[in-house]
Amino acid sequence: MFGIEPKKFLILLLVVAAILAWRDWNSRDIVHDPGILVAESPNQIETPEMPVIAVKGYQLTPRAMLQIRARVLSRKNYRFGSEADLSPVDLALGWQVMSDQAVLDQIEVTQGSRWYYTRYQLPAPISDQAIIEHSGNMHMIPAATIVSRKLKSVRIGDIVRLQGLLVDADHDSGWHWRTSRSRTDTGAGSCEIIYLQDIQIEERP
């Protein structure tokens, strides 16, 4: 068995530590100054009947076009299940009052099991209704490899521009997934399923 000289071992440790520190720095949350960063609401355009889109053995039925400029409140990667095969990433997005750092500093945002959760101490910084109307958990189905790469680079706090289609998903096995078409609903079925055709990350501070 061959050992490593102490000096070389120390250099190796320093290199590994530097790589880990660089990775952590480049994946850190983005923090902004107080104030509303996204003044506009998502723009949903109802469309005439469009052809079904085939993706990985699933059939996606377009329901509307959706354009969003929003702040990323949280992101969650998924690896298992039919949903993960189709949609590997969920983004929790916020706009208007839910893009304000002063508000978000008082709200804990988490994701899990394809749900989006908020938690805060009383008194609430804003009403539950305001949170519901100005944020959403959205399931992303990348339309192309380049879109998937961009999606992987998104960080919490980023301001992003998304363009795609709200879709219902079906599989020959009988499995199905239905998108919301409202920004004010809650509970089961209230998440948007987006066939993501483009995503742009605005310049980070």
C-alpha atoms as a PDB file:
ATOM      1  CA  MET A   1       0.000   0.000   0.000  1.00  0.00           C
ATOM      2  CA  PHE A   2       1.342   3.369  -0.962  1.00  0.00           C
ATOM      3  CA  GLY A   3       0.779   6.342   1.324  1.00  0.00           C
ATOM      4  CA  ILE A   4       0.496  10.018   0.440  1.00  0.00           C
ATOM      5  CA  GLU A   5       3.198  12.377   1.551  1.00  0.00           C
ATOM      6  CA  PRO A   6       1.904  14.725   4.312  1.00  0.00           C
ATOM      7  CA  LYS A   7       2.650  17.823   2.220  1.00  0.00           C
ATOM      8  CA  LYS A   8       0.765  16.474  -0.809  1.00  0.00           C
ATOM      9  CA  PHE A   9      -2.086  15.336   1.431  1.00  0.00           C
ATOM     10  CA  LEU A  10      -2.367  18.837   2.914  1.00  0.00           C
ATOM     11  CA  ILE A  11      -2.427  20.383  -0.570  1.00  0.00           C
ATOM     12  CA  LEU A  12      -5.153  17.923  -1.581  1.00  0.00           C
ATOM     13  CA  LEU A  13      -7.235  18.859   1.461  1.00  0.00           C
ATOM     14  CA  LEU A  14      -6.848  22.560   0.678  1.00  0.00           C
ATOM     15  CA  VAL A  15      -7.929  21.999  -2.927  1.00  0.00           C
ATOM     16  CA  VAL A  16     -11.011  20.024  -1.828  1.00  0.00           C
ATOM     17  CA  ALA A  17     -11.880  22.695   0.756  1.00  0.00           C
ATOM     18  CA  ALA A  18     -11.549  25.431  -1.870  1.00  0.00           C
ATOM     19  CA  ILE A  19     -13.823  23.550  -4.295  1.00  0.00           C
ATOM     20  CA  LEU A  20     -16.470  23.016  -1.603  1.00  0.00           C
ATOM     21  CA  ALA A  21     -16.281  26.671  -0.535  1.00  0.00           C
ATOM     22  CA  TRP A  22     -16.647  27.812  -4.156  1.00  0.00           C
ATOM     23  CA  ARG A  23     -19.636  25.510  -4.667  1.00  0.00           C
ATOM     24  CA  ASP A  24     -21.331  26.794  -1.511  1.00  0.00           C
ATOM     25  CA  TRP A  25     -20.674  30.422  -2.508  1.00  0.00           C
ATOM     26  CA  ASN A  26     -22.168  29.882  -5.940  1.00  0.00           C
ATOM     27  CA  SER A  27     -25.299  28.196  -4.559  1.00  0.00           C
ATOM     28  CA  ARG A  28     -25.999  30.653  -1.740  1.00  0.00           C
ATOM     29  CA  ASP A  29     -29.354  32.429  -1.509  1.00  0.00           C
ATOM     30  CA  ILE A  30     -29.568  35.856  -3.136  1.00  0.00           C
ATOM     31  CA  VAL A  31     -30.481  38.656  -0.692  1.00  0.00           C
ATOM     32  CA  HIS A  32     -31.896  41.960  -1.931  1.00  0.00           C
ATOM     33  CA  ASP A  33     -32.536  45.365  -0.434  1.00  0.00           C
ATOM     34  CA  PRO A  34     -36.056  45.919   0.972  1.00  0.00           C
ATOM     35  CA  GLY A  35     -38.741  46.834  -1.539  1.00  0.00           C
ATOM     36  CA  ILE A  36     -40.954  45.187  -4.149  1.00  0.00           C
ATOM     37  CA  LEU A  37     -38.753  43.758  -6.897  1.00  0.00           C
ATOM     38  CA  VAL A  38     -41.504  42.420  -9.173  1.00  0.00           C
ATOM     39  CA  ALA A  39     -44.401  44.818  -9.669  1.00  0.00           C
ATOM     40  CA  GLU A  40     -46.243  42.815 -12.321  1.00  0.00           C
ATOM     41  CA  SER A  41     -48.469  39.766 -11.953  1.00  0.00           C
ATOM     42  CA  PRO A  42     -48.174  36.567 -14.033  1.00  0.00           C
ATOM     43  CA  ASN A  43     -49.667  36.960 -17.493  1.00  0.00           C
ATOM     44  CA  GLN A  44     -51.929  34.062 -18.452  1.00  0.00           C
ATOM     45  CA  ILE A  45     -53.366  33.911 -21.952  1.00  0.00           C
ATOM     46  CA  GLU A  46     -56.123  31.461 -22.737  1.00  0.00           C
ATOM     47  CA  THR A  47     -55.406  29.733 -26.036  1.00  0.00           C
ATOM     48  CA  PRO A  48     -57.462  27.895 -28.633  1.00  0.00           C
ATOM     49  CA  GLU A  49     -57.076  24.140 -28.664  1.00  0.00           C
ATOM     50  CA  MET A  50     -53.429  23.203 -29.263  1.00  0.00           C
ATOM     51  CA  PRO A  51     -51.855  19.870 -30.259  1.00  0.00           C
ATOM     52  CA  VAL A  52     -50.974  17.420 -27.504  1.00  0.00           C
ATOM     53  CA  ILE A  53     -47.237  17.377 -26.691  1.00  0.00           C
ATOM     54  CA  ALA A  54     -45.500  14.013 -26.217  1.00  0.00           C
ATOM     55  CA  VAL A  55     -42.742  14.016 -23.581  1.00  0.00           C
ATOM     56  CA  LYS A  56     -41.058  10.847 -22.237  1.00  0.00           C
ATOM     57  CA  GLY A  57     -44.134   8.725 -22.903  1.00  0.00           C
ATOM     58  CA  TYR A  58     -46.521  11.271 -21.362  1.00  0.00           C
ATOM     59  CA  GLN A  59     -49.153  13.329 -23.148  1.00  0.00           C
ATOM     60  CA  LEU A  60     -49.267  17.014 -22.251  1.00  0.00           C
ATOM     61  CA  THR A  61     -52.444  18.913 -23.086  1.00  0.00           C
ATOM     62  CA  PRO A  62     -51.907  22.702 -23.246  1.00  0.00           C
ATOM     63  CA  ARG A  63     -54.474  24.750 -21.330  1.00  0.00           C
ATOM     64  CA  ALA A  64     -53.032  28.281 -21.473  1.00  0.00           C
ATOM     65  CA  MET A  65     -49.901  30.263 -22.198  1.00  0.00           C
ATOM     66  CA  LEU A  66     -48.115  31.675 -19.150  1.00  0.00           C
ATOM     67  CA  GLN A  67     -45.484  34.390 -18.847  1.00  0.00           C
ATOM     68  CA  ILE A  68     -44.049  35.137 -15.413  1.00  0.00           C
ATOM     69  CA  ARG A  69     -41.496  37.488 -13.968  1.00  0.00           C
ATOM     70  CA  ALA A  70     -41.020  36.499 -10.331  1.00  0.00           C
ATOM     71  CA  ARG A  71     -38.665  36.087  -7.423  1.00  0.00           C
ATOM     72  CA  VAL A  72     -37.599  32.559  -6.530  1.00  0.00           C
ATOM     73  CA  LEU A  73     -38.713  31.901  -2.948  1.00  0.00           C
ATOM     74  CA  SER A  74     -37.604  28.272  -2.831  1.00  0.00           C
ATOM     75  CA  ARG A  75     -36.634  25.422  -5.129  1.00  0.00           C
ATOM     76  CA  LYS A  76     -36.902  21.675  -4.701  1.00  0.00           C
ATOM     77  CA  ASN A  77     -35.392  18.897  -6.814  1.00  0.00           C
ATOM     78  CA  TYR A  78     -37.209  15.555  -7.152  1.00  0.00           C
ATOM     79  CA  ARG A  79     -35.764  12.231  -8.293  1.00  0.00           C
ATOM     80  CA  PHE A  80     -38.422   9.580  -7.710  1.00  0.00           C
ATOM     81  CA  GLY A  81     -41.932   8.925  -9.006  1.00  0.00           C
ATOM     82  CA  SER A  82     -43.806   9.659 -12.210  1.00  0.00           C
ATOM     83  CA  GLU A  83     -43.853  13.354 -11.396  1.00  0.00           C
ATOM     84  CA  ALA A  84     -40.059  13.448 -11.016  1.00  0.00           C
ATOM     85  CA  ASP A  85     -39.554  11.688 -14.339  1.00  0.00           C
ATOM     86  CA  LEU A  86     -41.568  14.416 -15.997  1.00  0.00           C
ATOM     87  CA  SER A  87     -40.881  17.399 -13.726  1.00  0.00           C
ATOM     88  CA  PRO A  88     -37.552  17.228 -11.830  1.00  0.00           C
ATOM     89  CA  VAL A  89     -37.801  20.689 -10.254  1.00  0.00           C
ATOM     90  CA  ASP A  90     -40.442  22.737  -8.440  1.00  0.00           C
ATOM     91  CA  LEU A  91     -40.015  26.488  -8.043  1.00  0.00           C
ATOM     92  CA  ALA A  92     -41.920  28.469  -5.426  1.00  0.00           C
ATOM     93  CA  LEU A  93     -42.287  31.916  -6.977  1.00  0.00           C
ATOM     94  CA  GLY A  94     -43.398  35.269  -5.597  1.00  0.00           C
ATOM     95  CA  TRP A  95     -44.404  38.576  -7.122  1.00  0.00           C
ATOM     96  CA  GLN A  96     -45.544  41.997  -5.911  1.00  0.00           C
ATOM     97  CA  VAL A  97     -45.612  41.975  -2.082  1.00  0.00           C
ATOM     98  CA  MET A  98     -44.089  38.458  -2.066  1.00  0.00           C
ATOM     99  CA  SER A  99     -40.985  39.771  -3.817  1.00  0.00           C
ATOM    100  CA  ASP A 100     -40.215  42.253  -1.016  1.00  0.00           C
ATOM    101  CA  GLN A 101     -37.180  41.302   1.084  1.00  0.00           C
ATOM    102  CA  ALA A 102     -38.690  43.058   4.110  1.00  0.00           C
ATOM    103  CA  VAL A 103     -41.704  40.722   3.946  1.00  0.00           C
ATOM    104  CA  LEU A 104     -39.748  37.582   3.104  1.00  0.00           C
ATOM    105  CA  ASP A 105     -37.373  38.120   5.999  1.00  0.00           C
ATOM    106  CA  GLN A 106     -40.383  37.348   8.218  1.00  0.00           C
ATOM    107  CA  ILE A 107     -41.687  34.307   6.310  1.00  0.00           C
ATOM    108  CA  GLU A 108     -40.090  30.868   6.203  1.00  0.00           C
ATOM    109  CA  VAL A 109     -40.694  29.181   2.848  1.00  0.00           C
ATOM    110  CA  THR A 110     -40.231  25.424   2.409  1.00  0.00           C
ATOM    111  CA  GLN A 111     -41.207  22.739  -0.100  1.00  0.00           C
ATOM    112  CA  GLY A 112     -41.796  19.012   0.084  1.00  0.00           C
ATOM    113  CA  SER A 113     -43.907  16.246  -1.478  1.00  0.00           C
ATOM    114  CA  ARG A 114     -44.791  18.666  -4.289  1.00  0.00           C
ATOM    115  CA  TRP A 115     -46.270  21.153  -1.820  1.00  0.00           C
ATOM    116  CA  TYR A 116     -45.224  24.665  -0.839  1.00  0.00           C
ATOM    117  CA  TYR A 117     -45.415  25.853   2.773  1.00  0.00           C
ATOM    118  CA  THR A 118     -45.092  29.217   4.516  1.00  0.00           C
ATOM    119  CA  ARG A 119     -44.530  29.811   8.211  1.00  0.00           C
ATOM    120  CA  TYR A 120     -44.278  33.027  10.208  1.00  0.00           C
ATOM    121  CA  GLN A 121     -44.539  34.388  13.690  1.00  0.00           C
ATOM    122  CA  LEU A 122     -47.526  36.494  14.705  1.00  0.00           C
ATOM    123  CA  PRO A 123     -48.320  39.203  13.940  1.00  0.00           C
ATOM    124  CA  ALA A 124     -48.159  38.139  10.280  1.00  0.00           C
ATOM    125  CA  PRO A 125     -46.198  40.469   7.989  1.00  0.00           C
ATOM    126  CA  ILE A 126     -49.044  40.234   5.443  1.00  0.00           C
ATOM    127  CA  SER A 127     -52.341  38.345   5.308  1.00  0.00           C
ATOM    128  CA  ASP A 128     -52.615  34.698   4.273  1.00  0.00           C
ATOM    129  CA  GLN A 129     -54.735  35.824   1.336  1.00  0.00           C
ATOM    130  CA  ALA A 130     -51.957  38.153   0.165  1.00  0.00           C
ATOM    131  CA  ILE A 131     -49.475  35.269   0.351  1.00  0.00           C
ATOM    132  CA  ILE A 132     -51.817  33.030  -1.655  1.00  0.00           C
ATOM    133  CA  GLU A 133     -52.512  35.635  -4.336  1.00  0.00           C
ATOM    134  CA  HIS A 134     -48.888  36.675  -4.812  1.00  0.00           C
ATOM    135  CA  SER A 135     -47.015  33.380  -4.773  1.00  0.00           C
ATOM    136  CA  GLY A 136     -47.284  29.862  -6.082  1.00  0.00           C
ATOM    137  CA  ASN A 137     -45.631  26.456  -6.253  1.00  0.00           C
ATOM    138  CA  MET A 138     -44.983  25.532  -9.867  1.00  0.00           C
ATOM    139  CA  HIS A 139     -43.945  22.172 -11.329  1.00  0.00           C
ATOM    140  CA  MET A 140     -41.416  22.644 -14.147  1.00  0.00           C
ATOM    141  CA  ILE A 141     -41.271  20.394 -17.223  1.00  0.00           C
ATOM    142  CA  PRO A 142     -38.243  21.539 -19.258  1.00  0.00           C
ATOM    143  CA  ALA A 143     -39.018  21.682 -22.981  1.00  0.00           C
ATOM    144  CA  ALA A 144     -35.364  21.333 -24.042  1.00  0.00           C
ATOM    145  CA  THR A 145     -31.944  20.423 -22.684  1.00  0.00           C
ATOM    146  CA  ILE A 146     -30.801  24.039 -22.595  1.00  0.00           C
ATOM    147  CA  VAL A 147     -33.880  24.960 -20.536  1.00  0.00           C
ATOM    148  CA  SER A 148     -33.083  22.136 -18.124  1.00  0.00           C
ATOM    149  CA  ARG A 149     -29.519  23.437 -17.713  1.00  0.00           C
ATOM    150  CA  LYS A 150     -30.737  26.954 -16.965  1.00  0.00           C
ATOM    151  CA  LEU A 151     -33.276  25.584 -14.493  1.00  0.00           C
ATOM    152  CA  LYS A 152     -30.524  23.773 -12.584  1.00  0.00           C
ATOM    153  CA  SER A 153     -28.625  27.040 -12.121  1.00  0.00           C
ATOM    154  CA  VAL A 154     -31.547  28.912 -10.507  1.00  0.00           C
ATOM    155  CA  ARG A 155     -30.908  30.057  -6.942  1.00  0.00           C
ATOM    156  CA  ILE A 156     -33.245  31.171  -4.185  1.00  0.00           C
ATOM    157  CA  GLY A 157     -33.624  34.936  -4.453  1.00  0.00           C
ATOM    158  CA  ASP A 158     -33.082  35.062  -8.208  1.00  0.00           C
ATOM    159  CA  ILE A 159     -35.402  37.170 -10.336  1.00  0.00           C
ATOM    160  CA  VAL A 160     -36.462  35.007 -13.262  1.00  0.00           C
ATOM    161  CA  ARG A 161     -38.520  35.349 -16.405  1.00  0.00           C
ATOM    162  CA  LEU A 162     -40.413  32.216 -17.440  1.00  0.00           C
ATOM    163  CA  GLN A 163     -42.375  31.455 -20.566  1.00  0.00           C
ATOM    164  CA  GLY A 164     -44.315  28.294 -21.210  1.00  0.00           C
ATOM    165  CA  LEU A 165     -47.622  26.477 -21.298  1.00  0.00           C
ATOM    166  CA  LEU A 166     -49.884  25.376 -18.481  1.00  0.00           C
ATOM    167  CA  VAL A 167     -50.506  21.699 -19.199  1.00  0.00           C
ATOM    168  CA  ASP A 168     -52.407  18.672 -17.977  1.00  0.00           C
ATOM    169  CA  ALA A 169     -50.335  15.481 -18.021  1.00  0.00           C
ATOM    170  CA  ASP A 170     -51.543  11.955 -18.777  1.00  0.00           C
ATOM    171  CA  HIS A 171     -49.953   8.522 -19.176  1.00  0.00           C
ATOM    172  CA  ASP A 172     -51.269   5.361 -20.802  1.00  0.00           C
ATOM    173  CA  SER A 173     -51.114   3.665 -17.383  1.00  0.00           C
ATOM    174  CA  GLY A 174     -53.984   5.890 -16.260  1.00  0.00           C
ATOM    175  CA  TRP A 175     -51.781   8.225 -14.225  1.00  0.00           C
ATOM    176  CA  HIS A 176     -52.692  11.884 -14.604  1.00  0.00           C
ATOM    177  CA  TRP A 177     -51.707  15.308 -13.249  1.00  0.00           C
ATOM    178  CA  ARG A 178     -53.849  18.433 -13.551  1.00  0.00           C
ATOM    179  CA  THR A 179     -52.672  22.027 -13.599  1.00  0.00           C
ATOM    180  CA  SER A 180     -54.207  24.979 -11.836  1.00  0.00           C
ATOM    181  CA  ARG A 181     -55.231  27.941 -13.977  1.00  0.00           C
ATOM    182  CA  SER A 182     -55.836  30.288 -11.048  1.00  0.00           C
ATOM    183  CA  ARG A 183     -53.470  32.287  -8.864  1.00  0.00           C
ATOM    184  CA  THR A 184     -55.921  32.388  -5.957  1.00  0.00           C
ATOM    185  CA  ASP A 185     -56.693  28.714  -5.277  1.00  0.00           C
ATOM    186  CA  THR A 186     -55.266  26.588  -2.463  1.00  0.00           C
ATOM    187  CA  GLY A 187     -55.001  22.919  -1.526  1.00  0.00           C
ATOM    188  CA  ALA A 188     -54.847  19.915  -3.843  1.00  0.00           C
ATOM    189  CA  GLY A 189     -54.708  20.876  -7.505  1.00  0.00           C
ATOM    190  CA  SER A 190     -53.647  24.466  -6.824  1.00  0.00           C
ATOM    191  CA  CYS A 191     -50.129  24.132  -8.276  1.00  0.00           C
ATOM    192  CA  GLU A 192     -49.266  25.097 -11.820  1.00  0.00           C
ATOM    193  CA  ILE A 193     -47.729  22.514 -14.159  1.00  0.00           C
ATOM    194  CA  ILE A 194     -45.581  24.388 -16.665  1.00  0.00           C
ATOM    195  CA  TYR A 195     -44.144  23.064 -19.903  1.00  0.00           C
ATOM    196  CA  LEU A 196     -41.198  25.439 -19.645  1.00  0.00           C
ATOM    197  CA  GLN A 197     -40.075  26.770 -23.011  1.00  0.00           C
ATOM    198  CA  ASP A 198     -37.719  29.474 -21.777  1.00  0.00           C
ATOM    199  CA  ILE A 199     -36.231  30.752 -18.530  1.00  0.00           C
ATOM    200  CA  GLN A 200     -34.006  33.784 -18.089  1.00  0.00           C
ATOM    201  CA  ILE A 201     -32.215  34.741 -14.883  1.00  0.00           C
ATOM    202  CA  GLU A 202     -31.823  38.466 -14.388  1.00  0.00           C
ATOM    203  CA  GLU A 203     -28.460  39.867 -13.315  1.00  0.00           C
ATOM    204  CA  ARG A 204     -27.677  39.071  -9.696  1.00  0.00           C
ATOM    205  CA  PRO A 205     -26.760  41.852  -7.249  1.00  0.00           C
END
